[in-house]
Amino acid sequence: MSTPRKERLAAVQEDLNKRTKQEWIEGAAALKHERFEVAGALFDCKSDTLLSQQEVQNRLEAYLQPAVQKEESLNVDSEG
């Protein structure tokens, strides 16, 4: 099998594994997450966009554990 053919086959296989936003939300249990978590992670995707499982996992991680976290405020004791 030549390399370009392998690449095309991999691309076709990848397309077969993609699902729409609604399909991922309804299948949230397969991702071991709640439907509202998947819906939140995919809120900015169009309904007809096809997403792979890896794309959804990446969005879930970013949604559930944002990289930028607020610094905890320090309680300053005014007496002293």
PDB file of N, CA and C in Angstrom:
ATOM      1  N   MET A   1       0.844  -1.176   0.000  1.00  0.00           N
ATOM      2  CA  MET A   1       0.000   0.000   0.000  1.00  0.00           C
ATOM      3  C   MET A   1       0.891   1.241   0.000  1.00  0.00           C
ATOM      4  N   SER A   2       0.650   2.150  -0.897  1.00  0.00           N
ATOM      5  CA  SER A   2       1.470   3.360  -0.971  1.00  0.00           C
ATOM      6  C   SER A   2       1.066   4.341   0.126  1.00  0.00           C
ATOM      7  N   THR A   3       1.957   5.245   0.426  1.00  0.00           N
ATOM      8  CA  THR A   3       1.716   6.207   1.494  1.00  0.00           C
ATOM      9  C   THR A   3       0.498   7.090   1.232  1.00  0.00           C
ATOM     10  N   PRO A   4       0.346   7.666   0.025  1.00  0.00           N
ATOM     11  CA  PRO A   4      -0.853   8.497  -0.197  1.00  0.00           C
ATOM     12  C   PRO A   4      -2.150   7.713   0.000  1.00  0.00           C
ATOM     13  N   ARG A   5      -2.149   6.452  -0.393  1.00  0.00           N
ATOM     14  CA  ARG A   5      -3.355   5.642  -0.220  1.00  0.00           C
ATOM     15  C   ARG A   5      -3.631   5.421   1.270  1.00  0.00           C
ATOM     16  N   LYS A   6      -2.585   5.180   2.055  1.00  0.00           N
ATOM     17  CA  LYS A   6      -2.751   5.005   3.499  1.00  0.00           C
ATOM     18  C   LYS A   6      -3.309   6.277   4.132  1.00  0.00           C
ATOM     19  N   GLU A   7      -2.798   7.414   3.676  1.00  0.00           N
ATOM     20  CA  GLU A   7      -3.277   8.693   4.222  1.00  0.00           C
ATOM     21  C   GLU A   7      -4.739   8.923   3.888  1.00  0.00           C
ATOM     22  N   ARG A   8      -5.128   8.600   2.650  1.00  0.00           N
ATOM     23  CA  ARG A   8      -6.537   8.751   2.261  1.00  0.00           C
ATOM     24  C   ARG A   8      -7.420   7.815   3.067  1.00  0.00           C
ATOM     25  N   LEU A   9      -6.962   6.589   3.267  1.00  0.00           N
ATOM     26  CA  LEU A   9      -7.719   5.612   4.037  1.00  0.00           C
ATOM     27  C   LEU A   9      -7.883   6.081   5.485  1.00  0.00           C
ATOM     28  N   ALA A  10      -6.818   6.628   6.047  1.00  0.00           N
ATOM     29  CA  ALA A  10      -6.887   7.148   7.418  1.00  0.00           C
ATOM     30  C   ALA A  10      -7.854   8.325   7.499  1.00  0.00           C
ATOM     31  N   ALA A  11      -7.847   9.186   6.492  1.00  0.00           N
ATOM     32  CA  ALA A  11      -8.753  10.336   6.477  1.00  0.00           C
ATOM     33  C   ALA A  11     -10.209   9.886   6.381  1.00  0.00           C
ATOM     34  N   VAL A  12     -10.477   8.892   5.551  1.00  0.00           N
ATOM     35  CA  VAL A  12     -11.840   8.365   5.415  1.00  0.00           C
ATOM     36  C   VAL A  12     -12.277   7.724   6.722  1.00  0.00           C
ATOM     37  N   GLN A  13     -11.388   6.965   7.340  1.00  0.00           N
ATOM     38  CA  GLN A  13     -11.700   6.305   8.608  1.00  0.00           C
ATOM     39  C   GLN A  13     -12.003   7.346   9.691  1.00  0.00           C
ATOM     40  N   GLU A  14     -11.227   8.425   9.695  1.00  0.00           N
ATOM     41  CA  GLU A  14     -11.434   9.499  10.660  1.00  0.00           C
ATOM     42  C   GLU A  14     -12.806  10.140  10.459  1.00  0.00           C
ATOM     43  N   ASP A  15     -13.190  10.363   9.203  1.00  0.00           N
ATOM     44  CA  ASP A  15     -14.496  10.953   8.909  1.00  0.00           C
ATOM     45  C   ASP A  15     -15.641  10.050   9.368  1.00  0.00           C
ATOM     46  N   LEU A  16     -15.459   8.753   9.290  1.00  0.00           N
ATOM     47  CA  LEU A  16     -16.501   7.824   9.721  1.00  0.00           C
ATOM     48  C   LEU A  16     -16.703   7.868  11.235  1.00  0.00           C
ATOM     49  N   ASN A  17     -15.679   8.262  11.971  1.00  0.00           N
ATOM     50  CA  ASN A  17     -15.753   8.306  13.425  1.00  0.00           C
ATOM     51  C   ASN A  17     -16.236   9.650  13.954  1.00  0.00           C
ATOM     52  N   LYS A  18     -16.488  10.597  13.079  1.00  0.00           N
ATOM     53  CA  LYS A  18     -16.952  11.911  13.515  1.00  0.00           C
ATOM     54  C   LYS A  18     -18.463  11.905  13.692  1.00  0.00           C
ATOM     55  N   ARG A  19     -18.912  12.733  14.613  1.00  0.00           N
ATOM     56  CA  ARG A  19     -20.340  12.852  14.906  1.00  0.00           C
ATOM     57  C   ARG A  19     -20.715  14.320  15.033  1.00  0.00           C
ATOM     58  N   THR A  20     -22.011  14.593  14.965  1.00  0.00           N
ATOM     59  CA  THR A  20     -22.493  15.958  15.137  1.00  0.00           C
ATOM     60  C   THR A  20     -22.536  16.312  16.620  1.00  0.00           C
ATOM     61  N   LYS A  21     -22.709  17.585  16.865  1.00  0.00           N
ATOM     62  CA  LYS A  21     -22.789  18.097  18.234  1.00  0.00           C
ATOM     63  C   LYS A  21     -23.880  17.370  19.028  1.00  0.00           C
ATOM     64  N   GLN A  22     -25.064  17.238  18.445  1.00  0.00           N
ATOM     65  CA  GLN A  22     -26.183  16.596  19.129  1.00  0.00           C
ATOM     66  C   GLN A  22     -25.887  15.121  19.423  1.00  0.00           C
ATOM     67  N   GLU A  23     -25.249  14.443  18.493  1.00  0.00           N
ATOM     68  CA  GLU A  23     -24.908  13.029  18.713  1.00  0.00           C
ATOM     69  C   GLU A  23     -23.930  12.874  19.865  1.00  0.00           C
ATOM     70  N   TRP A  24     -22.969  13.792  19.984  1.00  0.00           N
ATOM     71  CA  TRP A  24     -22.028  13.729  21.109  1.00  0.00           C
ATOM     72  C   TRP A  24     -22.737  14.011  22.434  1.00  0.00           C
ATOM     73  N   ILE A  25     -23.665  14.964  22.432  1.00  0.00           N
ATOM     74  CA  ILE A  25     -24.397  15.285  23.658  1.00  0.00           C
ATOM     75  C   ILE A  25     -25.236  14.083  24.092  1.00  0.00           C
ATOM     76  N   GLU A  26     -25.931  13.467  23.137  1.00  0.00           N
ATOM     77  CA  GLU A  26     -26.758  12.310  23.473  1.00  0.00           C
ATOM     78  C   GLU A  26     -25.921  11.108  23.893  1.00  0.00           C
ATOM     79  N   GLY A  27     -24.701  11.009  23.403  1.00  0.00           N
ATOM     80  CA  GLY A  27     -23.819   9.898  23.748  1.00  0.00           C
ATOM     81  C   GLY A  27     -22.808  10.253  24.821  1.00  0.00           C
ATOM     82  N   ALA A  28     -23.139  11.202  25.668  1.00  0.00           N
ATOM     83  CA  ALA A  28     -22.203  11.675  26.692  1.00  0.00           C
ATOM     84  C   ALA A  28     -21.740  10.563  27.623  1.00  0.00           C
ATOM     85  N   ALA A  29     -22.586   9.597  27.885  1.00  0.00           N
ATOM     86  CA  ALA A  29     -22.220   8.502  28.785  1.00  0.00           C
ATOM     87  C   ALA A  29     -21.026   7.718  28.244  1.00  0.00           C
ATOM     88  N   ALA A  30     -20.915   7.609  26.937  1.00  0.00           N
ATOM     89  CA  ALA A  30     -19.778   6.902  26.340  1.00  0.00           C
ATOM     90  C   ALA A  30     -18.476   7.637  26.610  1.00  0.00           C
ATOM     91  N   LEU A  31     -18.567   8.954  26.828  1.00  0.00           N
ATOM     92  CA  LEU A  31     -17.388   9.758  27.143  1.00  0.00           C
ATOM     93  C   LEU A  31     -17.153   9.841  28.651  1.00  0.00           C
ATOM     94  N   LYS A  32     -18.044   9.206  29.407  1.00  0.00           N
ATOM     95  CA  LYS A  32     -18.004   9.220  30.871  1.00  0.00           C
ATOM     96  C   LYS A  32     -18.159  10.628  31.432  1.00  0.00           C
ATOM     97  N   HIS A  33     -19.087  11.353  30.820  1.00  0.00           N
ATOM     98  CA  HIS A  33     -19.420  12.703  31.262  1.00  0.00           C
ATOM     99  C   HIS A  33     -20.924  12.872  31.218  1.00  0.00           C
ATOM    100  N   GLU A  34     -21.396  13.932  31.849  1.00  0.00           N
ATOM    101  CA  GLU A  34     -22.814  14.266  31.835  1.00  0.00           C
ATOM    102  C   GLU A  34     -23.144  15.014  30.549  1.00  0.00           C
ATOM    103  N   ARG A  35     -24.412  14.941  30.146  1.00  0.00           N
ATOM    104  CA  ARG A  35     -24.837  15.616  28.921  1.00  0.00           C
ATOM    105  C   ARG A  35     -24.603  17.123  29.006  1.00  0.00           C
ATOM    106  N   PHE A  36     -24.868  17.723  30.159  1.00  0.00           N
ATOM    107  CA  PHE A  36     -24.689  19.169  30.273  1.00  0.00           C
ATOM    108  C   PHE A  36     -23.224  19.567  30.157  1.00  0.00           C
ATOM    109  N   GLU A  37     -22.304  18.680  30.564  1.00  0.00           N
ATOM    110  CA  GLU A  37     -20.876  18.974  30.430  1.00  0.00           C
ATOM    111  C   GLU A  37     -20.472  18.982  28.952  1.00  0.00           C
ATOM    112  N   VAL A  38     -20.944  18.000  28.221  1.00  0.00           N
ATOM    113  CA  VAL A  38     -20.632  17.922  26.791  1.00  0.00           C
ATOM    114  C   VAL A  38     -21.270  19.109  26.064  1.00  0.00           C
ATOM    115  N   ALA A  39     -22.499  19.437  26.422  1.00  0.00           N
ATOM    116  CA  ALA A  39     -23.175  20.576  25.795  1.00  0.00           C
ATOM    117  C   ALA A  39     -22.415  21.869  26.078  1.00  0.00           C
ATOM    118  N   GLY A  40     -21.935  22.028  27.280  1.00  0.00           N
ATOM    119  CA  GLY A  40     -21.159  23.222  27.629  1.00  0.00           C
ATOM    120  C   GLY A  40     -19.851  23.295  26.863  1.00  0.00           C
ATOM    121  N   ALA A  41     -19.197  22.165  26.722  1.00  0.00           N
ATOM    122  CA  ALA A  41     -17.920  22.128  26.010  1.00  0.00           C
ATOM    123  C   ALA A  41     -18.088  22.416  24.521  1.00  0.00           C
ATOM    124  N   LEU A  42     -19.249  22.070  23.982  1.00  0.00           N
ATOM    125  CA  LEU A  42     -19.492  22.231  22.550  1.00  0.00           C
ATOM    126  C   LEU A  42     -20.412  23.409  22.232  1.00  0.00           C
ATOM    127  N   PHE A  43     -20.610  24.311  23.190  1.00  0.00           N
ATOM    128  CA  PHE A  43     -21.587  25.378  23.012  1.00  0.00           C
ATOM    129  C   PHE A  43     -21.302  26.263  21.803  1.00  0.00           C
ATOM    130  N   ASP A  44     -20.044  26.447  21.442  1.00  0.00           N
ATOM    131  CA  ASP A  44     -19.717  27.352  20.343  1.00  0.00           C
ATOM    132  C   ASP A  44     -19.602  26.653  18.988  1.00  0.00           C
ATOM    133  N   CYS A  45     -19.904  25.367  18.947  1.00  0.00           N
ATOM    134  CA  CYS A  45     -19.870  24.620  17.685  1.00  0.00           C
ATOM    135  C   CYS A  45     -21.227  24.712  16.995  1.00  0.00           C
ATOM    136  N   LYS A  46     -21.193  24.764  15.683  1.00  0.00           N
ATOM    137  CA  LYS A  46     -22.449  24.740  14.934  1.00  0.00           C
ATOM    138  C   LYS A  46     -23.041  23.339  15.015  1.00  0.00           C
ATOM    139  N   SER A  47     -24.334  23.243  14.914  1.00  0.00           N
ATOM    140  CA  SER A  47     -25.013  21.960  15.083  1.00  0.00           C
ATOM    141  C   SER A  47     -24.656  20.941  14.008  1.00  0.00           C
ATOM    142  N   ASP A  48     -24.275  21.401  12.818  1.00  0.00           N
ATOM    143  CA  ASP A  48     -23.971  20.470  11.739  1.00  0.00           C
ATOM    144  C   ASP A  48     -22.477  20.157  11.593  1.00  0.00           C
ATOM    145  N   THR A  49     -21.650  20.707  12.467  1.00  0.00           N
ATOM    146  CA  THR A  49     -20.211  20.453  12.420  1.00  0.00           C
ATOM    147  C   THR A  49     -19.912  19.042  12.890  1.00  0.00           C
ATOM    148  N   LEU A  50     -19.061  18.329  12.150  1.00  0.00           N
ATOM    149  CA  LEU A  50     -18.656  16.983  12.548  1.00  0.00           C
ATOM    150  C   LEU A  50     -17.411  17.071  13.403  1.00  0.00           C
ATOM    151  N   LEU A  51     -17.442  16.404  14.547  1.00  0.00           N
ATOM    152  CA  LEU A  51     -16.331  16.439  15.496  1.00  0.00           C
ATOM    153  C   LEU A  51     -15.858  15.024  15.798  1.00  0.00           C
ATOM    154  N   SER A  52     -14.548  14.865  15.921  1.00  0.00           N
ATOM    155  CA  SER A  52     -13.994  13.564  16.290  1.00  0.00           C
ATOM    156  C   SER A  52     -14.015  13.433  17.811  1.00  0.00           C
ATOM    157  N   GLN A  53     -13.823  12.223  18.292  1.00  0.00           N
ATOM    158  CA  GLN A  53     -13.814  11.996  19.730  1.00  0.00           C
ATOM    159  C   GLN A  53     -12.673  12.757  20.386  1.00  0.00           C
ATOM    160  N   GLN A  54     -11.516  12.823  19.736  1.00  0.00           N
ATOM    161  CA  GLN A  54     -10.381  13.547  20.305  1.00  0.00           C
ATOM    162  C   GLN A  54     -10.671  15.035  20.422  1.00  0.00           C
ATOM    163  N   GLU A  55     -11.342  15.605  19.425  1.00  0.00           N
ATOM    164  CA  GLU A  55     -11.708  17.021  19.477  1.00  0.00           C
ATOM    165  C   GLU A  55     -12.657  17.279  20.645  1.00  0.00           C
ATOM    166  N   VAL A  56     -13.617  16.395  20.839  1.00  0.00           N
ATOM    167  CA  VAL A  56     -14.575  16.548  21.930  1.00  0.00           C
ATOM    168  C   VAL A  56     -13.860  16.401  23.278  1.00  0.00           C
ATOM    169  N   GLN A  57     -12.958  15.424  23.392  1.00  0.00           N
ATOM    170  CA  GLN A  57     -12.203  15.242  24.636  1.00  0.00           C
ATOM    171  C   GLN A  57     -11.386  16.492  24.952  1.00  0.00           C
ATOM    172  N   ASN A  58     -10.736  17.060  23.941  1.00  0.00           N
ATOM    173  CA  ASN A  58      -9.940  18.274  24.151  1.00  0.00           C
ATOM    174  C   ASN A  58     -10.805  19.430  24.626  1.00  0.00           C
ATOM    175  N   ARG A  59     -11.981  19.580  24.023  1.00  0.00           N
ATOM    176  CA  ARG A  59     -12.890  20.647  24.429  1.00  0.00           C
ATOM    177  C   ARG A  59     -13.422  20.422  25.843  1.00  0.00           C
ATOM    178  N   LEU A  60     -13.698  19.157  26.186  1.00  0.00           N
ATOM    179  CA  LEU A  60     -14.157  18.837  27.536  1.00  0.00           C
ATOM    180  C   LEU A  60     -13.097  19.188  28.576  1.00  0.00           C
ATOM    181  N   GLU A  61     -11.853  18.832  28.298  1.00  0.00           N
ATOM    182  CA  GLU A  61     -10.769  19.152  29.228  1.00  0.00           C
ATOM    183  C   GLU A  61     -10.645  20.657  29.421  1.00  0.00           C
ATOM    184  N   ALA A  62     -10.699  21.402  28.328  1.00  0.00           N
ATOM    185  CA  ALA A  62     -10.597  22.854  28.405  1.00  0.00           C
ATOM    186  C   ALA A  62     -11.787  23.454  29.144  1.00  0.00           C
ATOM    187  N   TYR A  63     -12.958  22.891  28.943  1.00  0.00           N
ATOM    188  CA  TYR A  63     -14.178  23.399  29.579  1.00  0.00           C
ATOM    189  C   TYR A  63     -14.203  23.096  31.075  1.00  0.00           C
ATOM    190  N   LEU A  64     -13.812  21.884  31.440  1.00  0.00           N
ATOM    191  CA  LEU A  64     -13.906  21.464  32.835  1.00  0.00           C
ATOM    192  C   LEU A  64     -12.716  21.909  33.679  1.00  0.00           C
ATOM    193  N   GLN A  65     -11.580  22.125  33.048  1.00  0.00           N
ATOM    194  CA  GLN A  65     -10.382  22.547  33.778  1.00  0.00           C
ATOM    195  C   GLN A  65      -9.709  23.685  33.024  1.00  0.00           C
ATOM    196  N   PRO A  66     -10.252  24.875  33.117  1.00  0.00           N
ATOM    197  CA  PRO A  66      -9.674  26.000  32.379  1.00  0.00           C
ATOM    198  C   PRO A  66      -8.220  26.241  32.780  1.00  0.00           C
ATOM    199  N   ALA A  67      -7.408  26.621  31.824  1.00  0.00           N
ATOM    200  CA  ALA A  67      -5.974  26.836  32.073  1.00  0.00           C
ATOM    201  C   ALA A  67      -5.742  28.056  32.952  1.00  0.00           C
ATOM    202  N   VAL A  68      -6.530  29.093  32.762  1.00  0.00           N
ATOM    203  CA  VAL A  68      -6.364  30.307  33.551  1.00  0.00           C
ATOM    204  C   VAL A  68      -7.319  30.238  34.733  1.00  0.00           C
ATOM    205  N   GLN A  69      -6.745  30.194  35.904  1.00  0.00           N
ATOM    206  CA  GLN A  69      -7.570  30.136  37.110  1.00  0.00           C
ATOM    207  C   GLN A  69      -7.391  31.438  37.877  1.00  0.00           C
ATOM    208  N   LYS A  70      -8.437  31.859  38.529  1.00  0.00           N
ATOM    209  CA  LYS A  70      -8.372  33.080  39.315  1.00  0.00           C
ATOM    210  C   LYS A  70      -7.463  32.851  40.517  1.00  0.00           C
ATOM    211  N   GLU A  71      -6.698  33.873  40.843  1.00  0.00           N
ATOM    212  CA  GLU A  71      -5.860  33.772  42.034  1.00  0.00           C
ATOM    213  C   GLU A  71      -6.765  33.872  43.252  1.00  0.00           C
ATOM    214  N   GLU A  72      -6.434  33.088  44.234  1.00  0.00           N
ATOM    215  CA  GLU A  72      -7.224  33.146  45.461  1.00  0.00           C
ATOM    216  C   GLU A  72      -6.955  34.471  46.146  1.00  0.00           C
ATOM    217  N   SER A  73      -7.998  35.086  46.612  1.00  0.00           N
ATOM    218  CA  SER A  73      -7.820  36.352  47.304  1.00  0.00           C
ATOM    219  C   SER A  73      -7.321  36.083  48.711  1.00  0.00           C
ATOM    220  N   LEU A  74      -6.447  36.942  49.131  1.00  0.00           N
ATOM    221  CA  LEU A  74      -5.876  36.795  50.466  1.00  0.00           C
ATOM    222  C   LEU A  74      -6.718  37.583  51.456  1.00  0.00           C
ATOM    223  N   ASN A  75      -6.987  36.997  52.591  1.00  0.00           N
ATOM    224  CA  ASN A  75      -7.697  37.701  53.652  1.00  0.00           C
ATOM    225  C   ASN A  75      -6.670  38.456  54.460  1.00  0.00           C
ATOM    226  N   VAL A  76      -6.758  39.735  54.403  1.00  0.00           N
ATOM    227  CA  VAL A  76      -5.801  40.579  55.131  1.00  0.00           C
ATOM    228  C   VAL A  76      -6.465  41.015  56.432  1.00  0.00           C
ATOM    229  N   ASP A  77      -5.804  40.748  57.503  1.00  0.00           N
ATOM    230  CA  ASP A  77      -6.317  41.115  58.817  1.00  0.00           C
ATOM    231  C   ASP A  77      -5.978  42.584  59.058  1.00  0.00           C
ATOM    232  N   SER A  78      -7.002  43.399  59.186  1.00  0.00           N
ATOM    233  CA  SER A  78      -6.777  44.830  59.337  1.00  0.00           C
ATOM    234  C   SER A  78      -6.251  45.195  60.730  1.00  0.00           C
ATOM    235  N   GLU A  79      -6.384  44.278  61.676  1.00  0.00           N
ATOM    236  CA  GLU A  79      -5.851  44.530  63.020  1.00  0.00           C
ATOM    237  C   GLU A  79      -4.391  44.141  63.034  1.00  0.00           C
ATOM    238  N   GLY A  80      -3.591  44.922  63.621  1.00  0.00           N
ATOM    239  CA  GLY A  80      -2.234  44.450  63.694  1.00  0.00           C
ATOM    240  C   GLY A  80      -1.262  45.378  64.136  1.00  0.00           C
TER     241      GLY A  80
END
